[in-house]
Amino acid sequence: MNNIPEINWKRVDALITLALEEDLDTLGDTTTNSVVPAEAMATAVLICKEPDMIVAGLEVAERVFKTVDHNLNFTSLKQDGDRCNVGDHIATITGSARALLTAERTALNFLQRLCGVATTSGKYAAALAGSKTVALDTRKTTPGYRNLEKYAVAVGGATNHRIGLYDRIMIKDNHREMAAMEGPGGIARSVERARAMYPQLEVEVEADRLEEVQEALDAKAEHIMLDNMSDEMMAEAVKMVGGKAKLEASGGITIERLPRIGKIGVDFVSAGALTHSVKAADISLDIQVSK
């Protein structure tokens, strides 16, 4: 697996608390409290319902259940990064039937989302197999979930791009437009200012045209993003740069296009689809009441 980012449990616990609060409000699980005896015990099984799913987020799901009732016993039958098929059991949870039912939807919401991200990331990484090109995620993440979604991306086999606005200089089109207000040479001026203020950070410049690729190269940016370029333009950029900077293809990226891009020779390809339009994985929770 790729380098997996550590989960910030303080933030995750805050998300879990918020998710449970919006589900339970002040009265709690009124249906379960009305119908299920307080003393009832049960065993729940998390079951994969789709082929070739990559597991991610088991510890998050466990945390949801234990937030509802710390006495619940969560046993993982798979590990994050494992592949599952229809009918495979992912985990079992035993304890209070009321607690299992109360935590069910919130736990599934987290787990299905993260498994969906991991599974999609695995497909993108597989489409680039045999090439040197690496699939990257973006900042197009669910607000508040970035750490978890980038964790799931890495578990699935793709790679994390910058985490936020703080860990790489990214001079994009709107930055270039603002810099151009001061006259020609906006890219070079922007790179110089960024290096002066944040010398510890690498600099990436977004380029829409080959002329901008050359400007970024002359400014000695470590990374150049080839934004919405055709395959032919990207191939020309690879020749121009000659390995003097890392090249990232972005914009208009589909999984069907990835094998072609991999043959061009860019270093990275970034796709917001790894996180922003992922279908939640199909996972069910089946409960058996203890006799």
C-alpha atoms as a PDB file:
ATOM      1  CA  MET A   1       0.000   0.000   0.000  1.00  0.00           C
ATOM      2  CA  ASN A   2       0.992   3.657  -0.402  1.00  0.00           C
ATOM      3  CA  ASN A   3       2.045   5.839   2.485  1.00  0.00           C
ATOM      4  CA  ILE A   4      -1.167   5.959   4.503  1.00  0.00           C
ATOM      5  CA  PRO A   5      -1.848   9.262   6.292  1.00  0.00           C
ATOM      6  CA  GLU A   6      -2.501   9.027   9.987  1.00  0.00           C
ATOM      7  CA  ILE A   7      -6.100   9.552  11.008  1.00  0.00           C
ATOM      8  CA  ASN A   8      -6.682  12.617  13.158  1.00  0.00           C
ATOM      9  CA  TRP A   9      -8.898  10.962  15.746  1.00  0.00           C
ATOM     10  CA  LYS A  10      -9.730  14.217  17.493  1.00  0.00           C
ATOM     11  CA  ARG A  11     -11.383  15.480  14.304  1.00  0.00           C
ATOM     12  CA  VAL A  12     -12.980  12.118  13.542  1.00  0.00           C
ATOM     13  CA  ASP A  13     -14.483  11.895  17.015  1.00  0.00           C
ATOM     14  CA  ALA A  14     -15.956  15.362  16.499  1.00  0.00           C
ATOM     15  CA  LEU A  15     -17.491  14.180  13.200  1.00  0.00           C
ATOM     16  CA  ILE A  16     -18.900  11.075  14.856  1.00  0.00           C
ATOM     17  CA  THR A  17     -20.406  13.120  17.663  1.00  0.00           C
ATOM     18  CA  LEU A  18     -21.963  15.531  15.175  1.00  0.00           C
ATOM     19  CA  ALA A  19     -23.330  12.692  13.032  1.00  0.00           C
ATOM     20  CA  LEU A  20     -24.920  10.976  16.019  1.00  0.00           C
ATOM     21  CA  GLU A  21     -26.337  14.233  17.336  1.00  0.00           C
ATOM     22  CA  GLU A  22     -28.091  14.997  14.046  1.00  0.00           C
ATOM     23  CA  ASP A  23     -29.543  11.481  14.022  1.00  0.00           C
ATOM     24  CA  LEU A  24     -30.588  11.301  17.669  1.00  0.00           C
ATOM     25  CA  ASP A  25     -31.240  14.936  18.618  1.00  0.00           C
ATOM     26  CA  THR A  26     -32.625  15.094  22.183  1.00  0.00           C
ATOM     27  CA  LEU A  27     -35.008  12.122  22.226  1.00  0.00           C
ATOM     28  CA  GLY A  28     -32.652   9.457  20.857  1.00  0.00           C
ATOM     29  CA  ASP A  29     -33.676   6.440  18.767  1.00  0.00           C
ATOM     30  CA  THR A  30     -37.378   6.614  19.501  1.00  0.00           C
ATOM     31  CA  THR A  31     -38.283   3.571  17.383  1.00  0.00           C
ATOM     32  CA  THR A  32     -35.679   1.289  18.906  1.00  0.00           C
ATOM     33  CA  ASN A  33     -36.387   2.509  22.429  1.00  0.00           C
ATOM     34  CA  SER A  34     -40.098   1.794  21.889  1.00  0.00           C
ATOM     35  CA  VAL A  35     -39.829  -1.615  20.245  1.00  0.00           C
ATOM     36  CA  VAL A  36     -36.657  -3.327  21.492  1.00  0.00           C
ATOM     37  CA  PRO A  37     -36.410  -4.488  25.133  1.00  0.00           C
ATOM     38  CA  ALA A  38     -33.635  -2.788  27.034  1.00  0.00           C
ATOM     39  CA  GLU A  39     -32.116  -6.122  28.062  1.00  0.00           C
ATOM     40  CA  ALA A  40     -32.059  -7.630  24.534  1.00  0.00           C
ATOM     41  CA  MET A  41     -28.655  -8.725  23.237  1.00  0.00           C
ATOM     42  CA  ALA A  42     -27.731  -9.314  19.622  1.00  0.00           C
ATOM     43  CA  THR A  43     -24.959  -9.966  17.120  1.00  0.00           C
ATOM     44  CA  ALA A  44     -24.617  -7.826  13.998  1.00  0.00           C
ATOM     45  CA  VAL A  45     -22.634  -8.701  10.876  1.00  0.00           C
ATOM     46  CA  LEU A  46     -21.318  -6.183   8.346  1.00  0.00           C
ATOM     47  CA  ILE A  47     -21.623  -7.826   4.917  1.00  0.00           C
ATOM     48  CA  CYS A  48     -20.160  -6.771   1.568  1.00  0.00           C
ATOM     49  CA  LYS A  49     -22.844  -6.591  -1.122  1.00  0.00           C
ATOM     50  CA  GLU A  50     -20.797  -5.770  -4.223  1.00  0.00           C
ATOM     51  CA  PRO A  51     -17.890  -7.362  -6.128  1.00  0.00           C
ATOM     52  CA  ASP A  52     -14.255  -6.309  -5.729  1.00  0.00           C
ATOM     53  CA  MET A  53     -14.798  -3.766  -2.972  1.00  0.00           C
ATOM     54  CA  ILE A  54     -11.782  -2.386  -1.101  1.00  0.00           C
ATOM     55  CA  VAL A  55     -12.295  -2.043   2.650  1.00  0.00           C
ATOM     56  CA  ALA A  56     -11.512   1.270   4.351  1.00  0.00           C
ATOM     57  CA  GLY A  57     -12.711   2.806   7.595  1.00  0.00           C
ATOM     58  CA  LEU A  58     -13.221  -0.199   9.856  1.00  0.00           C
ATOM     59  CA  GLU A  59     -11.749   1.561  12.871  1.00  0.00           C
ATOM     60  CA  VAL A  60     -14.014   4.536  12.221  1.00  0.00           C
ATOM     61  CA  ALA A  61     -17.065   2.268  12.171  1.00  0.00           C
ATOM     62  CA  GLU A  62     -15.901   0.616  15.387  1.00  0.00           C
ATOM     63  CA  ARG A  63     -15.554   4.024  16.983  1.00  0.00           C
ATOM     64  CA  VAL A  64     -19.149   4.891  16.063  1.00  0.00           C
ATOM     65  CA  PHE A  65     -20.487   1.749  17.716  1.00  0.00           C
ATOM     66  CA  LYS A  66     -18.401   2.257  20.843  1.00  0.00           C
ATOM     67  CA  THR A  67     -19.445   5.899  21.069  1.00  0.00           C
ATOM     68  CA  VAL A  68     -23.035   4.711  21.349  1.00  0.00           C
ATOM     69  CA  ASP A  69     -22.119   1.946  23.806  1.00  0.00           C
ATOM     70  CA  HIS A  70     -18.522   1.333  24.885  1.00  0.00           C
ATOM     71  CA  ASN A  71     -19.474  -2.211  25.941  1.00  0.00           C
ATOM     72  CA  LEU A  72     -20.129  -3.323  22.361  1.00  0.00           C
ATOM     73  CA  ASN A  73     -17.608  -5.852  21.092  1.00  0.00           C
ATOM     74  CA  PHE A  74     -16.367  -5.083  17.555  1.00  0.00           C
ATOM     75  CA  THR A  75     -14.393  -7.819  15.774  1.00  0.00           C
ATOM     76  CA  SER A  76     -12.844  -7.060  12.382  1.00  0.00           C
ATOM     77  CA  LEU A  77     -12.834  -9.984   9.963  1.00  0.00           C
ATOM     78  CA  LYS A  78     -11.078  -7.950   7.285  1.00  0.00           C
ATOM     79  CA  GLN A  79      -8.451  -5.221   7.356  1.00  0.00           C
ATOM     80  CA  ASP A  80      -8.410  -1.864   5.605  1.00  0.00           C
ATOM     81  CA  GLY A  81      -6.995  -2.470   2.141  1.00  0.00           C
ATOM     82  CA  ASP A  82      -8.472  -5.961   1.811  1.00  0.00           C
ATOM     83  CA  ARG A  83     -10.678  -6.763  -1.166  1.00  0.00           C
ATOM     84  CA  CYS A  84     -14.134  -8.208  -0.584  1.00  0.00           C
ATOM     85  CA  ASN A  85     -16.774  -9.782  -2.764  1.00  0.00           C
ATOM     86  CA  VAL A  86     -20.517 -10.267  -2.452  1.00  0.00           C
ATOM     87  CA  GLY A  87     -21.401 -12.087   0.748  1.00  0.00           C
ATOM     88  CA  ASP A  88     -18.069 -11.626   2.506  1.00  0.00           C
ATOM     89  CA  HIS A  89     -18.337 -10.796   6.200  1.00  0.00           C
ATOM     90  CA  ILE A  90     -16.364  -7.696   7.125  1.00  0.00           C
ATOM     91  CA  ALA A  91     -16.893  -7.473  10.875  1.00  0.00           C
ATOM     92  CA  THR A  92     -19.146  -8.613  13.708  1.00  0.00           C
ATOM     93  CA  ILE A  93     -20.478  -6.540  16.580  1.00  0.00           C
ATOM     94  CA  THR A  94     -22.072  -8.033  19.675  1.00  0.00           C
ATOM     95  CA  GLY A  95     -23.844  -6.493  22.635  1.00  0.00           C
ATOM     96  CA  SER A  96     -26.944  -4.437  23.340  1.00  0.00           C
ATOM     97  CA  ALA A  97     -29.481  -4.763  20.540  1.00  0.00           C
ATOM     98  CA  ARG A  98     -30.631  -1.196  21.155  1.00  0.00           C
ATOM     99  CA  ALA A  99     -27.099   0.154  20.793  1.00  0.00           C
ATOM    100  CA  LEU A 100     -26.521  -1.824  17.583  1.00  0.00           C
ATOM    101  CA  LEU A 101     -29.651  -0.441  15.968  1.00  0.00           C
ATOM    102  CA  THR A 102     -28.967   3.096  17.138  1.00  0.00           C
ATOM    103  CA  ALA A 103     -25.410   3.132  15.733  1.00  0.00           C
ATOM    104  CA  GLU A 104     -26.203   1.204  12.532  1.00  0.00           C
ATOM    105  CA  ARG A 105     -26.880   4.005  10.043  1.00  0.00           C
ATOM    106  CA  THR A 106     -24.154   6.359  11.230  1.00  0.00           C
ATOM    107  CA  ALA A 107     -21.558   3.580  11.181  1.00  0.00           C
ATOM    108  CA  LEU A 108     -22.653   2.491   7.706  1.00  0.00           C
ATOM    109  CA  ASN A 109     -22.581   6.063   6.405  1.00  0.00           C
ATOM    110  CA  PHE A 110     -18.924   6.374   7.341  1.00  0.00           C
ATOM    111  CA  LEU A 111     -17.934   2.891   6.215  1.00  0.00           C
ATOM    112  CA  GLN A 112     -19.807   2.928   2.899  1.00  0.00           C
ATOM    113  CA  ARG A 113     -18.362   6.317   1.974  1.00  0.00           C
ATOM    114  CA  LEU A 114     -14.782   5.365   2.776  1.00  0.00           C
ATOM    115  CA  CYS A 115     -15.014   1.963   1.084  1.00  0.00           C
ATOM    116  CA  GLY A 116     -16.435   3.723  -1.975  1.00  0.00           C
ATOM    117  CA  VAL A 117     -13.483   6.120  -2.086  1.00  0.00           C
ATOM    118  CA  ALA A 118     -10.969   3.302  -1.631  1.00  0.00           C
ATOM    119  CA  THR A 119     -12.605   1.148  -4.314  1.00  0.00           C
ATOM    120  CA  THR A 120     -12.677   3.998  -6.838  1.00  0.00           C
ATOM    121  CA  SER A 121      -9.050   4.855  -6.067  1.00  0.00           C
ATOM    122  CA  GLY A 122      -8.086   1.246  -6.669  1.00  0.00           C
ATOM    123  CA  LYS A 123      -9.678   1.362 -10.113  1.00  0.00           C
ATOM    124  CA  TYR A 124      -7.805   4.529 -11.060  1.00  0.00           C
ATOM    125  CA  ALA A 125      -4.503   3.116  -9.850  1.00  0.00           C
ATOM    126  CA  ALA A 126      -5.127  -0.116 -11.776  1.00  0.00           C
ATOM    127  CA  ALA A 127      -5.808   1.838 -14.981  1.00  0.00           C
ATOM    128  CA  LEU A 128      -2.270   3.240 -14.753  1.00  0.00           C
ATOM    129  CA  ALA A 129      -0.604  -0.098 -14.020  1.00  0.00           C
ATOM    130  CA  GLY A 130       2.550  -0.650 -16.043  1.00  0.00           C
ATOM    131  CA  SER A 131       3.278   3.062 -16.395  1.00  0.00           C
ATOM    132  CA  LYS A 132       5.319   5.424 -14.234  1.00  0.00           C
ATOM    133  CA  THR A 133       2.313   7.745 -13.841  1.00  0.00           C
ATOM    134  CA  VAL A 134       0.793   7.968 -10.357  1.00  0.00           C
ATOM    135  CA  ALA A 135      -2.884   8.710  -9.631  1.00  0.00           C
ATOM    136  CA  LEU A 136      -3.402  11.628  -7.235  1.00  0.00           C
ATOM    137  CA  ASP A 137      -6.415  12.907  -5.350  1.00  0.00           C
ATOM    138  CA  THR A 138      -7.340  16.600  -4.984  1.00  0.00           C
ATOM    139  CA  ARG A 139      -8.823  18.997  -2.407  1.00  0.00           C
ATOM    140  CA  LYS A 140     -12.311  18.288  -3.774  1.00  0.00           C
ATOM    141  CA  THR A 141     -13.338  16.479  -0.627  1.00  0.00           C
ATOM    142  CA  THR A 142     -16.394  16.475   1.602  1.00  0.00           C
ATOM    143  CA  PRO A 143     -15.988  19.394   4.052  1.00  0.00           C
ATOM    144  CA  GLY A 144     -14.648  18.046   7.337  1.00  0.00           C
ATOM    145  CA  TYR A 145     -13.913  14.610   5.881  1.00  0.00           C
ATOM    146  CA  ARG A 146     -10.659  15.387   4.069  1.00  0.00           C
ATOM    147  CA  ASN A 147      -8.401  13.438   6.408  1.00  0.00           C
ATOM    148  CA  LEU A 148     -10.649  10.371   6.209  1.00  0.00           C
ATOM    149  CA  GLU A 149     -11.183  10.557   2.452  1.00  0.00           C
ATOM    150  CA  LYS A 150      -7.478  11.016   1.737  1.00  0.00           C
ATOM    151  CA  TYR A 151      -6.815   8.089   4.063  1.00  0.00           C
ATOM    152  CA  ALA A 152      -9.238   5.980   1.999  1.00  0.00           C
ATOM    153  CA  VAL A 153      -7.605   7.133  -1.258  1.00  0.00           C
ATOM    154  CA  ALA A 154      -4.234   5.862  -0.056  1.00  0.00           C
ATOM    155  CA  VAL A 155      -5.725   2.622   1.264  1.00  0.00           C
ATOM    156  CA  GLY A 156      -7.227   2.055  -2.181  1.00  0.00           C
ATOM    157  CA  GLY A 157      -3.880   2.369  -3.943  1.00  0.00           C
ATOM    158  CA  ALA A 158      -3.817   5.950  -5.230  1.00  0.00           C
ATOM    159  CA  THR A 159      -1.681   8.739  -3.750  1.00  0.00           C
ATOM    160  CA  ASN A 160      -2.420  11.898  -1.801  1.00  0.00           C
ATOM    161  CA  HIS A 161      -1.728  15.295  -3.371  1.00  0.00           C
ATOM    162  CA  ARG A 162      -1.330  18.277  -1.052  1.00  0.00           C
ATOM    163  CA  ILE A 163      -3.530  18.018   2.019  1.00  0.00           C
ATOM    164  CA  GLY A 164      -4.573  21.662   2.173  1.00  0.00           C
ATOM    165  CA  LEU A 165      -3.570  25.192   1.309  1.00  0.00           C
ATOM    166  CA  TYR A 166      -0.642  25.030   3.713  1.00  0.00           C
ATOM    167  CA  ASP A 167       1.635  22.237   2.497  1.00  0.00           C
ATOM    168  CA  ARG A 168       2.478  23.255  -1.088  1.00  0.00           C
ATOM    169  CA  ILE A 169       2.483  26.465  -3.092  1.00  0.00           C
ATOM    170  CA  MET A 170      -0.033  25.990  -5.919  1.00  0.00           C
ATOM    171  CA  ILE A 171      -0.120  28.912  -8.353  1.00  0.00           C
ATOM    172  CA  LYS A 172      -3.355  28.359 -10.271  1.00  0.00           C
ATOM    173  CA  ASP A 173      -5.137  30.289 -13.020  1.00  0.00           C
ATOM    174  CA  ASN A 174      -6.755  32.854 -10.729  1.00  0.00           C
ATOM    175  CA  HIS A 175      -3.423  33.507  -9.031  1.00  0.00           C
ATOM    176  CA  ARG A 176      -1.823  33.992 -12.451  1.00  0.00           C
ATOM    177  CA  GLU A 177      -4.555  36.427 -13.461  1.00  0.00           C
ATOM    178  CA  MET A 178      -3.990  38.497 -10.338  1.00  0.00           C
ATOM    179  CA  ALA A 179      -0.220  38.446 -10.839  1.00  0.00           C
ATOM    180  CA  ALA A 180      -0.633  39.564 -14.458  1.00  0.00           C
ATOM    181  CA  MET A 181      -2.211  42.806 -13.241  1.00  0.00           C
ATOM    182  CA  GLU A 182       1.311  43.964 -12.400  1.00  0.00           C
ATOM    183  CA  GLY A 183       2.493  43.339 -15.950  1.00  0.00           C
ATOM    184  CA  PRO A 184       4.345  40.605 -17.880  1.00  0.00           C
ATOM    185  CA  GLY A 185       6.303  37.928 -16.049  1.00  0.00           C
ATOM    186  CA  GLY A 186       3.561  37.080 -13.570  1.00  0.00           C
ATOM    187  CA  ILE A 187       4.534  33.411 -13.213  1.00  0.00           C
ATOM    188  CA  ALA A 188       8.192  34.155 -12.524  1.00  0.00           C
ATOM    189  CA  ARG A 189       7.239  36.907 -10.093  1.00  0.00           C
ATOM    190  CA  SER A 190       4.788  34.634  -8.278  1.00  0.00           C
ATOM    191  CA  VAL A 191       7.299  31.794  -7.913  1.00  0.00           C
ATOM    192  CA  GLU A 192       9.959  34.190  -6.630  1.00  0.00           C
ATOM    193  CA  ARG A 193       7.635  35.676  -4.027  1.00  0.00           C
ATOM    194  CA  ALA A 194       6.425  32.260  -2.897  1.00  0.00           C
ATOM    195  CA  ARG A 195       9.976  31.024  -2.407  1.00  0.00           C
ATOM    196  CA  ALA A 196      10.883  34.134  -0.428  1.00  0.00           C
ATOM    197  CA  MET A 197       7.932  33.732   1.934  1.00  0.00           C
ATOM    198  CA  TYR A 198       7.836  29.922   2.224  1.00  0.00           C
ATOM    199  CA  PRO A 199      11.295  28.569   1.292  1.00  0.00           C
ATOM    200  CA  GLN A 200      10.499  25.177   2.811  1.00  0.00           C
ATOM    201  CA  LEU A 201       7.631  24.451   0.389  1.00  0.00           C
ATOM    202  CA  GLU A 202       7.704  23.086  -3.141  1.00  0.00           C
ATOM    203  CA  VAL A 203       6.067  25.210  -5.828  1.00  0.00           C
ATOM    204  CA  GLU A 204       3.586  24.029  -8.450  1.00  0.00           C
ATOM    205  CA  VAL A 205       2.362  26.167 -11.343  1.00  0.00           C
ATOM    206  CA  GLU A 206      -0.800  25.455 -13.300  1.00  0.00           C
ATOM    207  CA  ALA A 207      -0.308  25.875 -17.058  1.00  0.00           C
ATOM    208  CA  ASP A 208      -3.055  26.028 -19.669  1.00  0.00           C
ATOM    209  CA  ARG A 209      -0.706  26.632 -22.603  1.00  0.00           C
ATOM    210  CA  LEU A 210       2.747  25.438 -23.597  1.00  0.00           C
ATOM    211  CA  GLU A 211       4.039  28.999 -23.261  1.00  0.00           C
ATOM    212  CA  GLU A 212       3.073  28.889 -19.604  1.00  0.00           C
ATOM    213  CA  VAL A 213       4.826  25.534 -19.225  1.00  0.00           C
ATOM    214  CA  GLN A 214       8.012  27.196 -20.442  1.00  0.00           C
ATOM    215  CA  GLU A 215       7.542  30.137 -18.065  1.00  0.00           C
ATOM    216  CA  ALA A 216       7.073  27.780 -15.126  1.00  0.00           C
ATOM    217  CA  LEU A 217      10.126  25.791 -16.184  1.00  0.00           C
ATOM    218  CA  ASP A 218      12.227  28.960 -16.485  1.00  0.00           C
ATOM    219  CA  ALA A 219      11.054  29.959 -12.999  1.00  0.00           C
ATOM    220  CA  LYS A 220      12.304  26.571 -11.737  1.00  0.00           C
ATOM    221  CA  ALA A 221       8.981  25.391 -10.318  1.00  0.00           C
ATOM    222  CA  GLU A 222       9.295  21.844  -8.994  1.00  0.00           C
ATOM    223  CA  HIS A 223       5.873  20.838 -10.350  1.00  0.00           C
ATOM    224  CA  ILE A 224       3.893  21.940 -13.387  1.00  0.00           C
ATOM    225  CA  MET A 225       0.202  21.111 -13.729  1.00  0.00           C
ATOM    226  CA  LEU A 226      -0.956  20.565 -17.308  1.00  0.00           C
ATOM    227  CA  ASP A 227      -4.531  21.779 -17.075  1.00  0.00           C
ATOM    228  CA  ASN A 228      -7.116  20.508 -19.552  1.00  0.00           C
ATOM    229  CA  MET A 229      -4.494  19.767 -22.179  1.00  0.00           C
ATOM    230  CA  SER A 230      -4.943  17.356 -25.054  1.00  0.00           C
ATOM    231  CA  ASP A 231      -2.820  14.225 -25.201  1.00  0.00           C
ATOM    232  CA  GLU A 232      -0.758  15.866 -27.960  1.00  0.00           C
ATOM    233  CA  MET A 233      -0.086  18.991 -25.897  1.00  0.00           C
ATOM    234  CA  MET A 234       0.898  16.902 -22.880  1.00  0.00           C
ATOM    235  CA  ALA A 235       3.337  14.894 -25.020  1.00  0.00           C
ATOM    236  CA  GLU A 236       4.902  18.141 -26.211  1.00  0.00           C
ATOM    237  CA  ALA A 237       5.165  19.375 -22.623  1.00  0.00           C
ATOM    238  CA  VAL A 238       6.979  16.186 -21.625  1.00  0.00           C
ATOM    239  CA  LYS A 239       9.555  16.856 -24.371  1.00  0.00           C
ATOM    240  CA  MET A 240       9.918  20.511 -23.376  1.00  0.00           C
ATOM    241  CA  VAL A 241      10.452  19.802 -19.694  1.00  0.00           C
ATOM    242  CA  GLY A 242      12.785  16.849 -20.156  1.00  0.00           C
ATOM    243  CA  GLY A 243      12.551  15.758 -16.531  1.00  0.00           C
ATOM    244  CA  LYS A 244      13.505  19.175 -15.105  1.00  0.00           C
ATOM    245  CA  ALA A 245      10.163  19.375 -13.273  1.00  0.00           C
ATOM    246  CA  LYS A 246       7.433  16.938 -12.297  1.00  0.00           C
ATOM    247  CA  LEU A 247       4.427  17.053 -14.605  1.00  0.00           C
ATOM    248  CA  GLU A 248       0.851  16.558 -13.431  1.00  0.00           C
ATOM    249  CA  ALA A 249      -2.048  16.073 -15.834  1.00  0.00           C
ATOM    250  CA  SER A 250      -5.323  17.499 -14.547  1.00  0.00           C
ATOM    251  CA  GLY A 251      -8.755  18.460 -15.858  1.00  0.00           C
ATOM    252  CA  GLY A 252     -10.934  16.333 -18.101  1.00  0.00           C
ATOM    253  CA  ILE A 253      -9.512  13.170 -16.579  1.00  0.00           C
ATOM    254  CA  THR A 254     -11.616  10.036 -16.989  1.00  0.00           C
ATOM    255  CA  ILE A 255     -10.703   6.511 -16.054  1.00  0.00           C
ATOM    256  CA  GLU A 256     -10.994   5.503 -19.721  1.00  0.00           C
ATOM    257  CA  ARG A 257      -8.339   8.070 -20.645  1.00  0.00           C
ATOM    258  CA  LEU A 258      -5.814   6.995 -18.020  1.00  0.00           C
ATOM    259  CA  PRO A 259      -4.045   4.243 -20.009  1.00  0.00           C
ATOM    260  CA  ARG A 260      -3.336   6.757 -22.814  1.00  0.00           C
ATOM    261  CA  ILE A 261      -2.063   9.355 -20.355  1.00  0.00           C
ATOM    262  CA  GLY A 262       0.156   6.759 -18.723  1.00  0.00           C
ATOM    263  CA  LYS A 263       1.931   6.206 -22.045  1.00  0.00           C
ATOM    264  CA  ILE A 264       2.642   9.926 -22.502  1.00  0.00           C
ATOM    265  CA  GLY A 265       5.135  10.022 -19.651  1.00  0.00           C
ATOM    266  CA  VAL A 266       3.711  12.540 -17.175  1.00  0.00           C
ATOM    267  CA  ASP A 267       4.592  11.873 -13.566  1.00  0.00           C
ATOM    268  CA  PHE A 268       1.132  12.317 -12.053  1.00  0.00           C
ATOM    269  CA  VAL A 269      -2.513  12.540 -12.993  1.00  0.00           C
ATOM    270  CA  SER A 270      -4.942  14.136 -10.535  1.00  0.00           C
ATOM    271  CA  ALA A 271      -8.673  13.519 -10.490  1.00  0.00           C
ATOM    272  CA  GLY A 272     -11.325  15.014  -8.242  1.00  0.00           C
ATOM    273  CA  ALA A 273     -13.475  11.989  -9.041  1.00  0.00           C
ATOM    274  CA  LEU A 274     -11.520   9.966  -6.472  1.00  0.00           C
ATOM    275  CA  THR A 275     -13.479  11.797  -3.789  1.00  0.00           C
ATOM    276  CA  HIS A 276     -16.097  14.248  -5.070  1.00  0.00           C
ATOM    277  CA  SER A 277     -18.399  11.935  -7.037  1.00  0.00           C
ATOM    278  CA  VAL A 278     -17.830   8.536  -5.504  1.00  0.00           C
ATOM    279  CA  LYS A 279     -20.718   6.094  -5.139  1.00  0.00           C
ATOM    280  CA  ALA A 280     -21.021   4.725  -1.617  1.00  0.00           C
ATOM    281  CA  ALA A 281     -20.129   1.060  -1.380  1.00  0.00           C
ATOM    282  CA  ASP A 282     -22.954  -1.412  -0.850  1.00  0.00           C
ATOM    283  CA  ILE A 283     -22.640  -2.803   2.669  1.00  0.00           C
ATOM    284  CA  SER A 284     -25.404  -4.157   4.874  1.00  0.00           C
ATOM    285  CA  LEU A 285     -25.698  -4.817   8.576  1.00  0.00           C
ATOM    286  CA  ASP A 286     -27.643  -7.935   9.508  1.00  0.00           C
ATOM    287  CA  ILE A 287     -28.706  -8.474  13.099  1.00  0.00           C
ATOM    288  CA  GLN A 288     -29.424 -11.728  14.914  1.00  0.00           C
ATOM    289  CA  VAL A 289     -31.083 -11.563  18.314  1.00  0.00           C
ATOM    290  CA  SER A 290     -29.403 -13.638  20.966  1.00  0.00           C
ATOM    291  CA  LYS A 291     -31.591 -16.323  22.496  1.00  0.00           C
END
